[in-house]
Amino acid sequence: MFLFYAACLCCSFHTFASMKNKTLKSPALLLCLLLPVAFACKSKKADAGISNPAPVAVVETGKALTTGKITHEFASTGCGAVIVVSNPGADPMILIPYPKLTDFDVDGKEIKFHYQPLKIKNPDGCTKGFPARLSDVAWK
């Protein structure tokens, strides 16, 4: 589209430079400058066959709260408080709260919460688990 616009400008300037009638030169030049811009700014319609993907890991308000235990198990490596969620028949899930817990940072206490996994790098010292944004946090 840029090449089309540049070609139109070059042709317009060449044509208008050779025009003898100055009263027509100004409006015609303005029209030739604005017309390609209008076409270039025209929004494109979305393809009907392509739909927008659903957002990933959105917490639903009707979903049950998750229960987990706050621990400072990895404090020796520099990781702050983490939440261990027990999974029957599987390894426990370790959540690294982001931003860090403030009011609920009590080792050994259980809390209820909703969480949303985050696609960010683990904080320094946190080798296990994954960052998650907590919401609706309450003591159990």
N, C-alpha and C. Protein backbone atom coordinates (compact mmCIF):
# COMPACT_ATOMS: atom_id res chain seq x y z
N MET A 1 0.83 -1.19 0.00
CA MET A 1 0.00 0.00 0.00
C MET A 1 0.87 1.25 0.00
N PHE A 2 2.01 1.17 0.69
CA PHE A 2 2.90 2.31 0.74
C PHE A 2 3.44 2.64 -0.66
N LEU A 3 3.77 1.59 -1.42
CA LEU A 3 4.28 1.82 -2.78
C LEU A 3 3.23 2.48 -3.65
N PHE A 4 1.98 2.07 -3.50
CA PHE A 4 0.89 2.68 -4.25
C PHE A 4 0.78 4.16 -3.90
N TYR A 5 0.86 4.46 -2.63
CA TYR A 5 0.77 5.84 -2.16
C TYR A 5 1.94 6.66 -2.70
N ALA A 6 3.14 6.11 -2.68
CA ALA A 6 4.32 6.83 -3.18
C ALA A 6 4.21 7.07 -4.69
N ALA A 7 3.73 6.07 -5.42
CA ALA A 7 3.57 6.23 -6.87
C ALA A 7 2.53 7.31 -7.18
N CYS A 8 1.44 7.33 -6.43
CA CYS A 8 0.42 8.36 -6.63
C CYS A 8 0.99 9.75 -6.37
N LEU A 9 1.78 9.89 -5.34
CA LEU A 9 2.37 11.19 -5.02
C LEU A 9 3.30 11.65 -6.13
N CYS A 10 4.14 10.74 -6.64
CA CYS A 10 5.08 11.12 -7.70
C CYS A 10 4.34 11.54 -8.96
N CYS A 11 3.34 10.76 -9.35
CA CYS A 11 2.56 11.10 -10.54
C CYS A 11 1.81 12.41 -10.35
N SER A 12 1.26 12.60 -9.16
CA SER A 12 0.49 13.82 -8.87
C SER A 12 1.38 15.05 -8.98
N PHE A 13 2.55 15.01 -8.38
CA PHE A 13 3.44 16.17 -8.43
C PHE A 13 3.90 16.46 -9.85
N HIS A 14 4.19 15.41 -10.61
CA HIS A 14 4.61 15.61 -11.99
C HIS A 14 3.50 16.23 -12.82
N THR A 15 2.28 15.71 -12.65
CA THR A 15 1.14 16.23 -13.41
C THR A 15 0.83 17.66 -13.02
N PHE A 16 0.80 17.95 -11.74
CA PHE A 16 0.41 19.28 -11.29
C PHE A 16 1.50 20.32 -11.54
N ALA A 17 2.72 19.90 -11.62
CA ALA A 17 3.79 20.85 -11.93
C ALA A 17 3.65 21.37 -13.35
N SER A 18 3.09 20.52 -14.22
CA SER A 18 2.94 20.94 -15.61
C SER A 18 1.62 21.66 -15.87
N MET A 19 0.70 21.72 -14.91
CA MET A 19 -0.59 22.41 -15.10
C MET A 19 -0.37 23.91 -15.16
N LYS A 20 -1.14 24.57 -16.05
CA LYS A 20 -1.01 26.01 -16.21
C LYS A 20 -2.07 26.75 -15.38
N ASN A 21 -3.25 26.13 -15.16
CA ASN A 21 -4.34 26.79 -14.44
C ASN A 21 -4.12 26.62 -12.94
N LYS A 22 -3.72 27.68 -12.27
CA LYS A 22 -3.38 27.60 -10.84
C LYS A 22 -4.62 27.45 -9.96
N THR A 23 -5.81 27.85 -10.41
CA THR A 23 -7.02 27.74 -9.58
C THR A 23 -7.43 26.28 -9.43
N LEU A 24 -7.18 25.45 -10.43
CA LEU A 24 -7.51 24.03 -10.33
C LEU A 24 -6.39 23.23 -9.67
N LYS A 25 -5.20 23.77 -9.67
CA LYS A 25 -4.04 23.04 -9.18
C LYS A 25 -4.15 22.72 -7.68
N SER A 26 -4.57 23.67 -6.89
CA SER A 26 -4.60 23.49 -5.44
C SER A 26 -5.63 22.45 -4.99
N PRO A 27 -6.91 22.53 -5.41
CA PRO A 27 -7.88 21.50 -4.99
C PRO A 27 -7.54 20.12 -5.54
N ALA A 28 -7.03 20.05 -6.76
CA ALA A 28 -6.70 18.76 -7.35
C ALA A 28 -5.53 18.12 -6.61
N LEU A 29 -4.56 18.92 -6.23
CA LEU A 29 -3.42 18.41 -5.47
C LEU A 29 -3.88 17.88 -4.10
N LEU A 30 -4.74 18.63 -3.46
CA LEU A 30 -5.27 18.22 -2.16
C LEU A 30 -6.02 16.90 -2.27
N LEU A 31 -6.83 16.76 -3.33
CA LEU A 31 -7.59 15.53 -3.54
C LEU A 31 -6.67 14.34 -3.77
N CYS A 32 -5.62 14.55 -4.57
CA CYS A 32 -4.68 13.45 -4.85
C CYS A 32 -3.86 13.06 -3.63
N LEU A 33 -3.65 14.00 -2.73
CA LEU A 33 -2.90 13.68 -1.52
C LEU A 33 -3.77 12.95 -0.50
N LEU A 34 -5.03 13.33 -0.38
CA LEU A 34 -5.90 12.76 0.65
C LEU A 34 -6.56 11.46 0.22
N LEU A 35 -6.79 11.27 -1.07
CA LEU A 35 -7.45 10.06 -1.53
C LEU A 35 -6.66 8.79 -1.20
N PRO A 36 -5.37 8.71 -1.48
CA PRO A 36 -4.62 7.50 -1.10
C PRO A 36 -4.57 7.30 0.41
N VAL A 37 -4.53 8.39 1.16
CA VAL A 37 -4.52 8.27 2.62
C VAL A 37 -5.83 7.66 3.10
N ALA A 38 -6.95 8.08 2.50
CA ALA A 38 -8.26 7.54 2.89
C ALA A 38 -8.32 6.04 2.62
N PHE A 39 -7.79 5.59 1.50
CA PHE A 39 -7.80 4.16 1.19
C PHE A 39 -6.82 3.40 2.08
N ALA A 40 -5.71 4.00 2.41
CA ALA A 40 -4.72 3.34 3.25
C ALA A 40 -5.23 3.17 4.67
N CYS A 41 -6.06 4.09 5.15
CA CYS A 41 -6.57 4.03 6.51
C CYS A 41 -7.84 3.21 6.64
N LYS A 42 -8.38 2.74 5.55
CA LYS A 42 -9.61 1.96 5.59
C LYS A 42 -9.37 0.68 6.38
N SER A 43 -10.25 0.38 7.32
CA SER A 43 -10.07 -0.82 8.14
C SER A 43 -10.40 -2.06 7.33
N LYS A 44 -9.67 -3.11 7.61
CA LYS A 44 -9.90 -4.37 6.92
C LYS A 44 -10.89 -5.20 7.71
N LYS A 45 -11.78 -5.89 7.02
CA LYS A 45 -12.75 -6.75 7.68
C LYS A 45 -12.07 -8.04 8.11
N ALA A 46 -12.48 -8.54 9.27
CA ALA A 46 -11.92 -9.81 9.76
C ALA A 46 -12.44 -10.95 8.91
N ASP A 47 -11.61 -11.95 8.72
CA ASP A 47 -11.99 -13.13 7.97
C ASP A 47 -13.09 -13.86 8.73
N ALA A 48 -14.17 -14.20 8.04
CA ALA A 48 -15.31 -14.85 8.70
C ALA A 48 -14.95 -16.24 9.20
N GLY A 49 -13.97 -16.90 8.59
CA GLY A 49 -13.60 -18.25 8.99
C GLY A 49 -12.71 -18.30 10.22
N ILE A 50 -12.15 -17.15 10.63
CA ILE A 50 -11.24 -17.12 11.77
C ILE A 50 -11.95 -16.46 12.95
N SER A 51 -11.94 -17.14 14.06
CA SER A 51 -12.55 -16.57 15.26
C SER A 51 -11.46 -16.24 16.26
N ASN A 52 -11.74 -15.31 17.13
CA ASN A 52 -10.78 -14.95 18.17
C ASN A 52 -10.70 -16.07 19.20
N PRO A 53 -9.49 -16.48 19.59
CA PRO A 53 -9.38 -17.54 20.59
C PRO A 53 -9.83 -17.04 21.96
N ALA A 54 -10.32 -17.96 22.75
CA ALA A 54 -10.74 -17.61 24.10
C ALA A 54 -9.53 -17.29 24.96
N PRO A 55 -9.67 -16.37 25.91
CA PRO A 55 -8.54 -16.07 26.79
C PRO A 55 -8.14 -17.30 27.60
N VAL A 56 -6.86 -17.40 27.87
CA VAL A 56 -6.32 -18.56 28.57
C VAL A 56 -6.37 -18.34 30.08
N ALA A 57 -6.75 -19.36 30.81
CA ALA A 57 -6.70 -19.38 32.27
C ALA A 57 -7.48 -18.23 32.92
N VAL A 58 -8.71 -18.04 32.47
CA VAL A 58 -9.55 -17.03 33.10
C VAL A 58 -10.31 -17.69 34.24
N VAL A 59 -10.28 -17.07 35.40
CA VAL A 59 -10.95 -17.63 36.56
C VAL A 59 -12.42 -17.27 36.50
N GLU A 60 -13.27 -18.27 36.62
CA GLU A 60 -14.70 -18.02 36.61
C GLU A 60 -15.16 -17.78 38.05
N THR A 61 -16.11 -16.85 38.21
CA THR A 61 -16.54 -16.50 39.56
C THR A 61 -17.33 -17.62 40.22
N GLY A 62 -17.99 -18.48 39.47
CA GLY A 62 -18.76 -19.57 40.04
C GLY A 62 -17.91 -20.78 40.38
N LYS A 63 -16.64 -20.76 40.04
CA LYS A 63 -15.76 -21.89 40.26
C LYS A 63 -15.43 -22.03 41.74
N ALA A 64 -15.27 -23.29 42.19
CA ALA A 64 -14.96 -23.55 43.60
C ALA A 64 -13.59 -23.01 43.97
N LEU A 65 -13.46 -22.62 45.21
CA LEU A 65 -12.18 -22.11 45.71
C LEU A 65 -11.19 -23.25 45.88
N THR A 66 -9.93 -22.95 45.64
CA THR A 66 -8.84 -23.91 45.85
C THR A 66 -8.33 -23.74 47.27
N THR A 67 -7.96 -24.85 47.90
CA THR A 67 -7.42 -24.80 49.25
C THR A 67 -5.94 -25.16 49.20
N GLY A 68 -5.14 -24.37 49.90
CA GLY A 68 -3.70 -24.64 49.93
C GLY A 68 -3.09 -24.23 51.25
N LYS A 69 -1.87 -24.72 51.49
CA LYS A 69 -1.17 -24.44 52.73
C LYS A 69 0.03 -23.54 52.44
N ILE A 70 0.17 -22.45 53.20
CA ILE A 70 1.29 -21.53 53.05
C ILE A 70 2.52 -22.15 53.70
N THR A 71 3.64 -22.08 52.99
CA THR A 71 4.88 -22.61 53.55
C THR A 71 6.07 -21.76 53.13
N HIS A 72 7.08 -21.76 53.98
CA HIS A 72 8.34 -21.09 53.68
C HIS A 72 9.42 -22.14 53.44
N GLU A 73 9.03 -23.26 52.87
CA GLU A 73 9.89 -24.41 52.64
C GLU A 73 11.11 -24.07 51.79
N PHE A 74 10.96 -23.12 50.87
CA PHE A 74 12.06 -22.78 49.96
C PHE A 74 12.73 -21.45 50.33
N ALA A 75 12.53 -21.00 51.55
CA ALA A 75 13.12 -19.73 51.99
C ALA A 75 14.64 -19.77 51.98
N SER A 76 15.23 -20.95 52.18
CA SER A 76 16.69 -21.06 52.22
C SER A 76 17.31 -20.77 50.84
N THR A 77 16.54 -20.95 49.77
CA THR A 77 17.05 -20.67 48.42
C THR A 77 16.73 -19.25 47.97
N GLY A 78 16.01 -18.51 48.79
CA GLY A 78 15.68 -17.13 48.44
C GLY A 78 14.26 -16.94 47.96
N CYS A 79 13.50 -18.00 47.90
CA CYS A 79 12.10 -17.92 47.47
C CYS A 79 11.25 -17.53 48.67
N GLY A 80 10.29 -16.69 48.47
CA GLY A 80 9.41 -16.27 49.58
C GLY A 80 8.38 -17.34 49.88
N ALA A 81 7.27 -16.93 50.42
CA ALA A 81 6.19 -17.86 50.76
C ALA A 81 5.60 -18.46 49.49
N VAL A 82 5.35 -19.76 49.54
CA VAL A 82 4.67 -20.46 48.44
C VAL A 82 3.45 -21.15 49.00
N ILE A 83 2.56 -21.57 48.11
CA ILE A 83 1.35 -22.26 48.54
C ILE A 83 1.38 -23.66 47.94
N VAL A 84 1.23 -24.65 48.81
CA VAL A 84 1.23 -26.05 48.38
C VAL A 84 -0.22 -26.53 48.35
N VAL A 85 -0.63 -26.96 47.16
CA VAL A 85 -2.00 -27.48 46.98
C VAL A 85 -1.88 -28.99 46.81
N SER A 86 -2.52 -29.73 47.71
CA SER A 86 -2.47 -31.19 47.66
C SER A 86 -3.36 -31.70 46.54
N ASN A 87 -2.80 -32.63 45.75
CA ASN A 87 -3.55 -33.29 44.68
C ASN A 87 -3.56 -34.78 44.99
N PRO A 88 -4.71 -35.36 45.35
CA PRO A 88 -4.76 -36.79 45.67
C PRO A 88 -4.29 -37.63 44.48
N GLY A 89 -3.35 -38.52 44.73
CA GLY A 89 -2.85 -39.41 43.69
C GLY A 89 -1.82 -38.77 42.77
N ALA A 90 -1.39 -37.55 43.07
CA ALA A 90 -0.39 -36.87 42.22
C ALA A 90 0.52 -36.03 43.10
N ASP A 91 1.55 -35.49 42.50
CA ASP A 91 2.45 -34.60 43.23
C ASP A 91 1.70 -33.32 43.62
N PRO A 92 2.06 -32.73 44.74
CA PRO A 92 1.40 -31.48 45.12
C PRO A 92 1.77 -30.36 44.14
N MET A 93 0.82 -29.45 43.93
CA MET A 93 1.03 -28.30 43.07
C MET A 93 1.57 -27.16 43.93
N ILE A 94 2.64 -26.52 43.46
CA ILE A 94 3.26 -25.42 44.21
C ILE A 94 3.01 -24.12 43.45
N LEU A 95 2.34 -23.19 44.10
CA LEU A 95 2.04 -21.89 43.51
C LEU A 95 2.94 -20.84 44.14
N ILE A 96 3.52 -20.01 43.31
CA ILE A 96 4.32 -18.88 43.78
C ILE A 96 3.45 -17.63 43.61
N PRO A 97 2.90 -17.09 44.70
CA PRO A 97 1.98 -15.97 44.56
C PRO A 97 2.67 -14.72 44.00
N TYR A 98 2.00 -14.09 43.03
CA TYR A 98 2.50 -12.85 42.45
C TYR A 98 1.34 -11.88 42.37
N PRO A 99 1.42 -10.72 42.97
CA PRO A 99 2.49 -10.24 43.83
C PRO A 99 2.54 -11.04 45.13
N LYS A 100 3.62 -10.86 45.88
CA LYS A 100 3.83 -11.65 47.10
C LYS A 100 2.70 -11.47 48.10
N LEU A 101 2.50 -12.51 48.90
CA LEU A 101 1.50 -12.44 49.96
C LEU A 101 1.92 -11.40 51.00
N THR A 102 0.97 -10.67 51.51
CA THR A 102 1.30 -9.71 52.59
C THR A 102 0.50 -10.05 53.83
N ASP A 103 -0.80 -9.94 53.77
CA ASP A 103 -1.65 -10.18 54.94
C ASP A 103 -1.77 -11.66 55.29
N PHE A 104 -1.50 -12.55 54.35
CA PHE A 104 -1.69 -13.99 54.57
C PHE A 104 -0.36 -14.75 54.64
N ASP A 105 0.73 -14.08 54.89
CA ASP A 105 2.05 -14.71 54.92
C ASP A 105 2.35 -15.29 56.30
N VAL A 106 1.64 -16.38 56.64
CA VAL A 106 1.82 -17.05 57.93
C VAL A 106 2.10 -18.52 57.64
N ASP A 107 3.30 -18.97 58.00
CA ASP A 107 3.72 -20.33 57.70
C ASP A 107 2.82 -21.36 58.36
N GLY A 108 2.37 -22.35 57.56
CA GLY A 108 1.56 -23.46 58.08
C GLY A 108 0.06 -23.22 58.04
N LYS A 109 -0.40 -22.02 57.78
CA LYS A 109 -1.84 -21.72 57.74
C LYS A 109 -2.43 -22.15 56.40
N GLU A 110 -3.69 -22.52 56.42
CA GLU A 110 -4.39 -22.89 55.19
C GLU A 110 -5.28 -21.74 54.75
N ILE A 111 -5.33 -21.55 53.42
CA ILE A 111 -6.16 -20.48 52.85
C ILE A 111 -7.00 -21.05 51.71
N LYS A 112 -8.08 -20.33 51.38
CA LYS A 112 -8.92 -20.65 50.22
C LYS A 112 -8.75 -19.49 49.24
N PHE A 113 -8.75 -19.80 47.96
CA PHE A 113 -8.49 -18.75 46.96
C PHE A 113 -8.83 -19.25 45.56
N HIS A 114 -8.92 -18.31 44.65
CA HIS A 114 -8.92 -18.59 43.22
C HIS A 114 -7.52 -18.24 42.73
N TYR A 115 -7.07 -18.91 41.68
CA TYR A 115 -5.75 -18.55 41.14
C TYR A 115 -5.79 -18.56 39.62
N GLN A 116 -4.87 -17.79 39.05
CA GLN A 116 -4.71 -17.73 37.61
C GLN A 116 -3.22 -17.90 37.32
N PRO A 117 -2.82 -18.97 36.60
CA PRO A 117 -1.40 -19.16 36.27
C PRO A 117 -0.89 -18.00 35.42
N LEU A 118 0.33 -17.56 35.68
CA LEU A 118 0.93 -16.45 34.94
C LEU A 118 2.08 -16.97 34.09
N LYS A 119 2.27 -16.36 32.94
CA LYS A 119 3.36 -16.75 32.05
C LYS A 119 4.52 -15.78 32.24
N ILE A 120 5.08 -15.80 33.44
CA ILE A 120 6.24 -14.98 33.74
C ILE A 120 7.32 -15.88 34.32
N LYS A 121 8.53 -15.37 34.32
CA LYS A 121 9.67 -16.13 34.84
C LYS A 121 9.53 -16.29 36.35
N ASN A 122 9.94 -17.45 36.85
CA ASN A 122 9.95 -17.67 38.29
C ASN A 122 10.90 -16.69 38.97
N PRO A 123 10.53 -16.19 40.15
CA PRO A 123 11.45 -15.31 40.89
C PRO A 123 12.74 -16.05 41.23
N ASP A 124 13.80 -15.29 41.48
CA ASP A 124 15.09 -15.89 41.84
C ASP A 124 14.94 -16.75 43.08
N GLY A 125 15.52 -17.95 43.04
CA GLY A 125 15.47 -18.86 44.17
C GLY A 125 14.29 -19.81 44.15
N CYS A 126 13.32 -19.57 43.31
CA CYS A 126 12.13 -20.44 43.23
C CYS A 126 12.32 -21.42 42.08
N THR A 127 12.80 -22.63 42.42
CA THR A 127 13.06 -23.63 41.39
C THR A 127 11.87 -24.54 41.16
N LYS A 128 10.97 -24.63 42.11
CA LYS A 128 9.78 -25.47 41.97
C LYS A 128 8.55 -24.60 41.95
N GLY A 129 7.52 -25.08 41.25
CA GLY A 129 6.25 -24.37 41.20
C GLY A 129 6.18 -23.38 40.04
N PHE A 130 5.07 -22.63 40.01
CA PHE A 130 4.88 -21.64 38.96
C PHE A 130 4.16 -20.42 39.53
N PRO A 131 4.43 -19.24 38.97
CA PRO A 131 3.79 -18.01 39.45
C PRO A 131 2.29 -18.03 39.16
N ALA A 132 1.53 -17.48 40.09
CA ALA A 132 0.08 -17.40 39.93
C ALA A 132 -0.44 -16.15 40.62
N ARG A 133 -1.47 -15.55 40.02
CA ARG A 133 -2.15 -14.40 40.63
C ARG A 133 -3.31 -14.95 41.45
N LEU A 134 -3.33 -14.60 42.73
CA LEU A 134 -4.39 -15.08 43.63
C LEU A 134 -5.49 -14.03 43.75
N SER A 135 -6.71 -14.51 43.90
CA SER A 135 -7.84 -13.61 44.15
C SER A 135 -8.80 -14.28 45.13
N ASP A 136 -9.66 -13.51 45.73
CA ASP A 136 -10.64 -14.01 46.69
C ASP A 136 -9.99 -14.83 47.81
N VAL A 137 -8.85 -14.35 48.33
CA VAL A 137 -8.11 -15.08 49.34
C VAL A 137 -8.79 -14.91 50.71
N ALA A 138 -8.92 -16.02 51.43
CA ALA A 138 -9.51 -16.00 52.77
C ALA A 138 -8.90 -17.14 53.58
N TRP A 139 -8.91 -16.97 54.91
CA TRP A 139 -8.45 -18.05 55.79
C TRP A 139 -9.43 -19.18 55.70
N LYS A 140 -8.93 -20.40 55.85
CA LYS A 140 -9.81 -21.57 55.82
C LYS A 140 -10.40 -21.78 57.19
